Amino acid sequence: MTGVLMRVFSFSLVSWLGPQSPFMFVWIFNSIDAVLLTWCAALKRDSAYTVLNGFWILVGIVGILRAANILH
């Protein structure tokens, strides 16, 4: 439940603040919740959600690198 609430919070923050959103914070926060949700899905042996949230971890890494201007 914590990971789900984290994801709702981060997407709400981007929706409310738009371009003024703290994108690095949002990407890091999203990546942490993706790790939590992947772990929970793996414990429940839910392969679909494990893959989905694993994908979100990769998206988060790319987002963090782009927000830090490391990846263009």
PDB file of N, CA and C in Angstrom:
ATOM      1  N   MET A   1       0.822  -1.196   0.000  1.00  0.00           N
ATOM      2  CA  MET A   1       0.000   0.000   0.000  1.00  0.00           C
ATOM      3  C   MET A   1       0.870   1.266   0.000  1.00  0.00           C
ATOM      4  N   THR A   2       2.002   1.205   0.692  1.00  0.00           N
ATOM      5  CA  THR A   2       2.891   2.367   0.742  1.00  0.00           C
ATOM      6  C   THR A   2       3.368   2.751  -0.655  1.00  0.00           C
ATOM      7  N   GLY A   3       3.790   1.749  -1.445  1.00  0.00           N
ATOM      8  CA  GLY A   3       4.254   2.014  -2.801  1.00  0.00           C
ATOM      9  C   GLY A   3       3.178   2.619  -3.675  1.00  0.00           C
ATOM     10  N   VAL A   4       1.950   2.131  -3.522  1.00  0.00           N
ATOM     11  CA  VAL A   4       0.824   2.672  -4.306  1.00  0.00           C
ATOM     12  C   VAL A   4       0.565   4.119  -3.927  1.00  0.00           C
ATOM     13  N   LEU A   5       0.560   4.416  -2.649  1.00  0.00           N
ATOM     14  CA  LEU A   5       0.336   5.802  -2.208  1.00  0.00           C
ATOM     15  C   LEU A   5       1.469   6.720  -2.660  1.00  0.00           C
ATOM     16  N   MET A   6       2.695   6.199  -2.675  1.00  0.00           N
ATOM     17  CA  MET A   6       3.819   6.988  -3.168  1.00  0.00           C
ATOM     18  C   MET A   6       3.618   7.334  -4.637  1.00  0.00           C
ATOM     19  N   ARG A   7       3.165   6.359  -5.425  1.00  0.00           N
ATOM     20  CA  ARG A   7       2.962   6.595  -6.852  1.00  0.00           C
ATOM     21  C   ARG A   7       1.840   7.606  -7.072  1.00  0.00           C
ATOM     22  N   VAL A   8       0.752   7.481  -6.332  1.00  0.00           N
ATOM     23  CA  VAL A   8      -0.359   8.439  -6.451  1.00  0.00           C
ATOM     24  C   VAL A   8       0.130   9.841  -6.100  1.00  0.00           C
ATOM     25  N   PHE A   9       0.911   9.971  -5.034  1.00  0.00           N
ATOM     26  CA  PHE A   9       1.425  11.272  -4.614  1.00  0.00           C
ATOM     27  C   PHE A   9       2.308  11.893  -5.693  1.00  0.00           C
ATOM     28  N   SER A  10       3.230  11.107  -6.245  1.00  0.00           N
ATOM     29  CA  SER A  10       4.166  11.676  -7.219  1.00  0.00           C
ATOM     30  C   SER A  10       3.467  12.095  -8.503  1.00  0.00           C
ATOM     31  N   PHE A  11       2.525  11.284  -8.986  1.00  0.00           N
ATOM     32  CA  PHE A  11       1.801  11.683 -10.194  1.00  0.00           C
ATOM     33  C   PHE A  11       0.878  12.865  -9.928  1.00  0.00           C
ATOM     34  N   SER A  12       0.333  12.941  -8.733  1.00  0.00           N
ATOM     35  CA  SER A  12      -0.490  14.097  -8.371  1.00  0.00           C
ATOM     36  C   SER A  12       0.352  15.363  -8.329  1.00  0.00           C
ATOM     37  N   LEU A  13       1.560  15.252  -7.793  1.00  0.00           N
ATOM     38  CA  LEU A  13       2.461  16.404  -7.721  1.00  0.00           C
ATOM     39  C   LEU A  13       2.762  16.951  -9.109  1.00  0.00           C
ATOM     40  N   VAL A  14       3.045  16.062 -10.054  1.00  0.00           N
ATOM     41  CA  VAL A  14       3.321  16.490 -11.426  1.00  0.00           C
ATOM     42  C   VAL A  14       2.071  17.101 -12.048  1.00  0.00           C
ATOM     43  N   SER A  15       0.917  16.514 -11.779  1.00  0.00           N
ATOM     44  CA  SER A  15      -0.331  17.055 -12.330  1.00  0.00           C
ATOM     45  C   SER A  15      -0.625  18.450 -11.804  1.00  0.00           C
ATOM     46  N   TRP A  16      -0.398  18.666 -10.511  1.00  0.00           N
ATOM     47  CA  TRP A  16      -0.702  19.962  -9.911  1.00  0.00           C
ATOM     48  C   TRP A  16       0.312  21.030 -10.293  1.00  0.00           C
ATOM     49  N   LEU A  17       1.583  20.685 -10.298  1.00  0.00           N
ATOM     50  CA  LEU A  17       2.629  21.690 -10.504  1.00  0.00           C
ATOM     51  C   LEU A  17       3.074  21.844 -11.953  1.00  0.00           C
ATOM     52  N   GLY A  18       2.783  20.862 -12.791  1.00  0.00           N
ATOM     53  CA  GLY A  18       3.149  20.949 -14.202  1.00  0.00           C
ATOM     54  C   GLY A  18       4.646  21.140 -14.384  1.00  0.00           C
ATOM     55  N   PRO A  19       5.040  22.083 -15.240  1.00  0.00           N
ATOM     56  CA  PRO A  19       6.466  22.299 -15.514  1.00  0.00           C
ATOM     57  C   PRO A  19       7.283  22.747 -14.300  1.00  0.00           C
ATOM     58  N   GLN A  20       6.631  23.229 -13.263  1.00  0.00           N
ATOM     59  CA  GLN A  20       7.355  23.644 -12.059  1.00  0.00           C
ATOM     60  C   GLN A  20       7.586  22.480 -11.096  1.00  0.00           C
ATOM     61  N   SER A  21       7.251  21.266 -11.507  1.00  0.00           N
ATOM     62  CA  SER A  21       7.430  20.089 -10.656  1.00  0.00           C
ATOM     63  C   SER A  21       8.910  19.837 -10.387  1.00  0.00           C
ATOM     64  N   PRO A  22       9.211  19.352  -9.197  1.00  0.00           N
ATOM     65  CA  PRO A  22      10.599  18.963  -8.898  1.00  0.00           C
ATOM     66  C   PRO A  22      10.881  17.590  -9.524  1.00  0.00           C
ATOM     67  N   PHE A  23      11.235  17.587 -10.805  1.00  0.00           N
ATOM     68  CA  PHE A  23      11.289  16.343 -11.559  1.00  0.00           C
ATOM     69  C   PHE A  23      12.291  15.341 -10.987  1.00  0.00           C
ATOM     70  N   MET A  24      13.432  15.788 -10.510  1.00  0.00           N
ATOM     71  CA  MET A  24      14.393  14.845  -9.943  1.00  0.00           C
ATOM     72  C   MET A  24      13.779  14.139  -8.741  1.00  0.00           C
ATOM     73  N   PHE A  25      13.131  14.901  -7.862  1.00  0.00           N
ATOM     74  CA  PHE A  25      12.463  14.299  -6.706  1.00  0.00           C
ATOM     75  C   PHE A  25      11.412  13.301  -7.152  1.00  0.00           C
ATOM     76  N   VAL A  26      10.600  13.673  -8.135  1.00  0.00           N
ATOM     77  CA  VAL A  26       9.529  12.793  -8.608  1.00  0.00           C
ATOM     78  C   VAL A  26      10.114  11.503  -9.185  1.00  0.00           C
ATOM     79  N   TRP A  27      11.177  11.595  -9.980  1.00  0.00           N
ATOM     80  CA  TRP A  27      11.775  10.387 -10.564  1.00  0.00           C
ATOM     81  C   TRP A  27      12.375   9.493  -9.493  1.00  0.00           C
ATOM     82  N   ILE A  28      13.042  10.072  -8.518  1.00  0.00           N
ATOM     83  CA  ILE A  28      13.621   9.262  -7.442  1.00  0.00           C
ATOM     84  C   ILE A  28      12.518   8.612  -6.617  1.00  0.00           C
ATOM     85  N   PHE A  29      11.501   9.381  -6.278  1.00  0.00           N
ATOM     86  CA  PHE A  29      10.369   8.877  -5.500  1.00  0.00           C
ATOM     87  C   PHE A  29       9.659   7.762  -6.261  1.00  0.00           C
ATOM     88  N   ASN A  30       9.430   7.969  -7.567  1.00  0.00           N
ATOM     89  CA  ASN A  30       8.793   6.949  -8.403  1.00  0.00           C
ATOM     90  C   ASN A  30       9.639   5.691  -8.488  1.00  0.00           C
ATOM     91  N   SER A  31      10.934   5.843  -8.560  1.00  0.00           N
ATOM     92  CA  SER A  31      11.816   4.675  -8.651  1.00  0.00           C
ATOM     93  C   SER A  31      11.791   3.872  -7.351  1.00  0.00           C
ATOM     94  N   ILE A  32      11.750   4.571  -6.232  1.00  0.00           N
ATOM     95  CA  ILE A  32      11.665   3.877  -4.942  1.00  0.00           C
ATOM     96  C   ILE A  32      10.351   3.115  -4.831  1.00  0.00           C
ATOM     97  N   ASP A  33       9.246   3.741  -5.240  1.00  0.00           N
ATOM     98  CA  ASP A  33       7.979   3.020  -5.147  1.00  0.00           C
ATOM     99  C   ASP A  33       7.949   1.852  -6.130  1.00  0.00           C
ATOM    100  N   ALA A  34       8.610   1.979  -7.264  1.00  0.00           N
ATOM    101  CA  ALA A  34       8.672   0.863  -8.218  1.00  0.00           C
ATOM    102  C   ALA A  34       9.447  -0.314  -7.617  1.00  0.00           C
ATOM    103  N   VAL A  35      10.515  -0.022  -6.886  1.00  0.00           N
ATOM    104  CA  VAL A  35      11.266  -1.090  -6.221  1.00  0.00           C
ATOM    105  C   VAL A  35      10.382  -1.777  -5.180  1.00  0.00           C
ATOM    106  N   LEU A  36       9.663  -0.987  -4.379  1.00  0.00           N
ATOM    107  CA  LEU A  36       8.753  -1.563  -3.373  1.00  0.00           C
ATOM    108  C   LEU A  36       7.680  -2.431  -4.018  1.00  0.00           C
ATOM    109  N   LEU A  37       7.066  -1.915  -5.074  1.00  0.00           N
ATOM    110  CA  LEU A  37       5.988  -2.650  -5.726  1.00  0.00           C
ATOM    111  C   LEU A  37       6.504  -3.892  -6.455  1.00  0.00           C
ATOM    112  N   THR A  38       7.721  -3.823  -7.000  1.00  0.00           N
ATOM    113  CA  THR A  38       8.315  -5.000  -7.640  1.00  0.00           C
ATOM    114  C   THR A  38       8.577  -6.081  -6.600  1.00  0.00           C
ATOM    115  N   TRP A  39       9.109  -5.672  -5.465  1.00  0.00           N
ATOM    116  CA  TRP A  39       9.382  -6.619  -4.384  1.00  0.00           C
ATOM    117  C   TRP A  39       8.095  -7.294  -3.913  1.00  0.00           C
ATOM    118  N   CYS A  40       7.050  -6.508  -3.710  1.00  0.00           N
ATOM    119  CA  CYS A  40       5.763  -7.075  -3.267  1.00  0.00           C
ATOM    120  C   CYS A  40       5.197  -8.038  -4.304  1.00  0.00           C
ATOM    121  N   ALA A  41       5.280  -7.660  -5.568  1.00  0.00           N
ATOM    122  CA  ALA A  41       4.773  -8.531  -6.637  1.00  0.00           C
ATOM    123  C   ALA A  41       5.594  -9.818  -6.703  1.00  0.00           C
ATOM    124  N   ALA A  42       6.896  -9.726  -6.507  1.00  0.00           N
ATOM    125  CA  ALA A  42       7.737 -10.925  -6.533  1.00  0.00           C
ATOM    126  C   ALA A  42       7.404 -11.841  -5.361  1.00  0.00           C
ATOM    127  N   LEU A  43       7.160 -11.260  -4.188  1.00  0.00           N
ATOM    128  CA  LEU A  43       6.781 -12.076  -3.026  1.00  0.00           C
ATOM    129  C   LEU A  43       5.472 -12.819  -3.265  1.00  0.00           C
ATOM    130  N   LYS A  44       4.555 -12.174  -3.969  1.00  0.00           N
ATOM    131  CA  LYS A  44       3.256 -12.795  -4.275  1.00  0.00           C
ATOM    132  C   LYS A  44       3.321 -13.679  -5.516  1.00  0.00           C
ATOM    133  N   ARG A  45       4.503 -13.731  -6.132  1.00  0.00           N
ATOM    134  CA  ARG A  45       4.725 -14.500  -7.354  1.00  0.00           C
ATOM    135  C   ARG A  45       3.787 -14.073  -8.471  1.00  0.00           C
ATOM    136  N   ASP A  46       3.574 -12.766  -8.561  1.00  0.00           N
ATOM    137  CA  ASP A  46       2.751 -12.189  -9.619  1.00  0.00           C
ATOM    138  C   ASP A  46       3.697 -11.693 -10.714  1.00  0.00           C
ATOM    139  N   SER A  47       3.900 -12.542 -11.707  1.00  0.00           N
ATOM    140  CA  SER A  47       4.906 -12.231 -12.726  1.00  0.00           C
ATOM    141  C   SER A  47       4.551 -11.004 -13.552  1.00  0.00           C
ATOM    142  N   ALA A  48       3.262 -10.793 -13.819  1.00  0.00           N
ATOM    143  CA  ALA A  48       2.865  -9.630 -14.626  1.00  0.00           C
ATOM    144  C   ALA A  48       3.228  -8.321 -13.916  1.00  0.00           C
ATOM    145  N   TYR A  49       2.911  -8.216 -12.648  1.00  0.00           N
ATOM    146  CA  TYR A  49       3.225  -6.990 -11.915  1.00  0.00           C
ATOM    147  C   TYR A  49       4.712  -6.868 -11.610  1.00  0.00           C
ATOM    148  N   THR A  50       5.401  -7.993 -11.485  1.00  0.00           N
ATOM    149  CA  THR A  50       6.846  -7.945 -11.298  1.00  0.00           C
ATOM    150  C   THR A  50       7.502  -7.344 -12.537  1.00  0.00           C
ATOM    151  N   VAL A  51       7.091  -7.798 -13.716  1.00  0.00           N
ATOM    152  CA  VAL A  51       7.642  -7.260 -14.965  1.00  0.00           C
ATOM    153  C   VAL A  51       7.248  -5.803 -15.143  1.00  0.00           C
ATOM    154  N   LEU A  52       5.978  -5.481 -14.903  1.00  0.00           N
ATOM    155  CA  LEU A  52       5.499  -4.105 -15.070  1.00  0.00           C
ATOM    156  C   LEU A  52       6.275  -3.136 -14.188  1.00  0.00           C
ATOM    157  N   ASN A  53       6.408  -3.462 -12.923  1.00  0.00           N
ATOM    158  CA  ASN A  53       7.106  -2.553 -12.019  1.00  0.00           C
ATOM    159  C   ASN A  53       8.603  -2.582 -12.236  1.00  0.00           C
ATOM    160  N   GLY A  54       9.134  -3.706 -12.700  1.00  0.00           N
ATOM    161  CA  GLY A  54      10.544  -3.740 -13.103  1.00  0.00           C
ATOM    162  C   GLY A  54      10.796  -2.781 -14.256  1.00  0.00           C
ATOM    163  N   PHE A  55       9.845  -2.742 -15.184  1.00  0.00           N
ATOM    164  CA  PHE A  55       9.919  -1.784 -16.285  1.00  0.00           C
ATOM    165  C   PHE A  55       9.934  -0.356 -15.749  1.00  0.00           C
ATOM    166  N   TRP A  56       9.100  -0.059 -14.740  1.00  0.00           N
ATOM    167  CA  TRP A  56       9.058   1.281 -14.161  1.00  0.00           C
ATOM    168  C   TRP A  56      10.361   1.649 -13.466  1.00  0.00           C
ATOM    169  N   ILE A  57      11.077   0.646 -12.947  1.00  0.00           N
ATOM    170  CA  ILE A  57      12.400   0.916 -12.377  1.00  0.00           C
ATOM    171  C   ILE A  57      13.325   1.416 -13.478  1.00  0.00           C
ATOM    172  N   LEU A  58      13.312   0.737 -14.620  1.00  0.00           N
ATOM    173  CA  LEU A  58      14.159   1.159 -15.745  1.00  0.00           C
ATOM    174  C   LEU A  58      13.762   2.541 -16.251  1.00  0.00           C
ATOM    175  N   VAL A  59      12.472   2.804 -16.343  1.00  0.00           N
ATOM    176  CA  VAL A  59      12.004   4.129 -16.762  1.00  0.00           C
ATOM    177  C   VAL A  59      12.468   5.181 -15.754  1.00  0.00           C
ATOM    178  N   GLY A  60      12.411   4.844 -14.470  1.00  0.00           N
ATOM    179  CA  GLY A  60      12.862   5.765 -13.440  1.00  0.00           C
ATOM    180  C   GLY A  60      14.338   6.085 -13.545  1.00  0.00           C
ATOM    181  N   ILE A  61      15.140   5.081 -13.838  1.00  0.00           N
ATOM    182  CA  ILE A  61      16.581   5.306 -13.996  1.00  0.00           C
ATOM    183  C   ILE A  61      16.840   6.258 -15.162  1.00  0.00           C
ATOM    184  N   VAL A  62      16.157   6.036 -16.274  1.00  0.00           N
ATOM    185  CA  VAL A  62      16.305   6.935 -17.425  1.00  0.00           C
ATOM    186  C   VAL A  62      15.837   8.344 -17.055  1.00  0.00           C
ATOM    187  N   GLY A  63      14.708   8.447 -16.352  1.00  0.00           N
ATOM    188  CA  GLY A  63      14.199   9.752 -15.928  1.00  0.00           C
ATOM    189  C   GLY A  63      15.162  10.486 -15.017  1.00  0.00           C
ATOM    190  N   ILE A  64      15.782   9.767 -14.093  1.00  0.00           N
ATOM    191  CA  ILE A  64      16.758  10.379 -13.186  1.00  0.00           C
ATOM    192  C   ILE A  64      17.961  10.879 -13.979  1.00  0.00           C
ATOM    193  N   LEU A  65      18.447  10.065 -14.897  1.00  0.00           N
ATOM    194  CA  LEU A  65      19.602  10.471 -15.704  1.00  0.00           C
ATOM    195  C   LEU A  65      19.276  11.672 -16.581  1.00  0.00           C
ATOM    196  N   ARG A  66      18.067  11.707 -17.119  1.00  0.00           N
ATOM    197  CA  ARG A  66      17.668  12.872 -17.936  1.00  0.00           C
ATOM    198  C   ARG A  66      17.477  14.111 -17.080  1.00  0.00           C
ATOM    199  N   ALA A  67      16.876  13.967 -15.906  1.00  0.00           N
ATOM    200  CA  ALA A  67      16.675  15.125 -15.022  1.00  0.00           C
ATOM    201  C   ALA A  67      18.005  15.680 -14.547  1.00  0.00           C
ATOM    202  N   ALA A  68      19.021  14.823 -14.449  1.00  0.00           N
ATOM    203  CA  ALA A  68      20.347  15.259 -14.025  1.00  0.00           C
ATOM    204  C   ALA A  68      21.203  15.713 -15.203  1.00  0.00           C
ATOM    205  N   ASN A  69      20.621  15.745 -16.392  1.00  0.00           N
ATOM    206  CA  ASN A  69      21.324  16.115 -17.623  1.00  0.00           C
ATOM    207  C   ASN A  69      22.541  15.242 -17.909  1.00  0.00           C
ATOM    208  N   ILE A  70      22.477  13.986 -17.494  1.00  0.00           N
ATOM    209  CA  ILE A  70      23.538  13.033 -17.791  1.00  0.00           C
ATOM    210  C   ILE A  70      23.234  12.332 -19.104  1.00  0.00           C
ATOM    211  N   LEU A  71      21.964  12.111 -19.357  1.00  0.00           N
ATOM    212  CA  LEU A  71      21.514  11.452 -20.584  1.00  0.00           C
ATOM    213  C   LEU A  71      20.670  12.437 -21.359  1.00  0.00           C
ATOM    214  N   HIS A  72      21.015  12.621 -22.628  1.00  0.00           N
ATOM    215  CA  HIS A  72      20.287  13.618 -23.432  1.00  0.00           C
ATOM    216  C   HIS A  72      19.436  12.952 -24.470  1.00  0.00           C
TER     217      HIS A  72
END
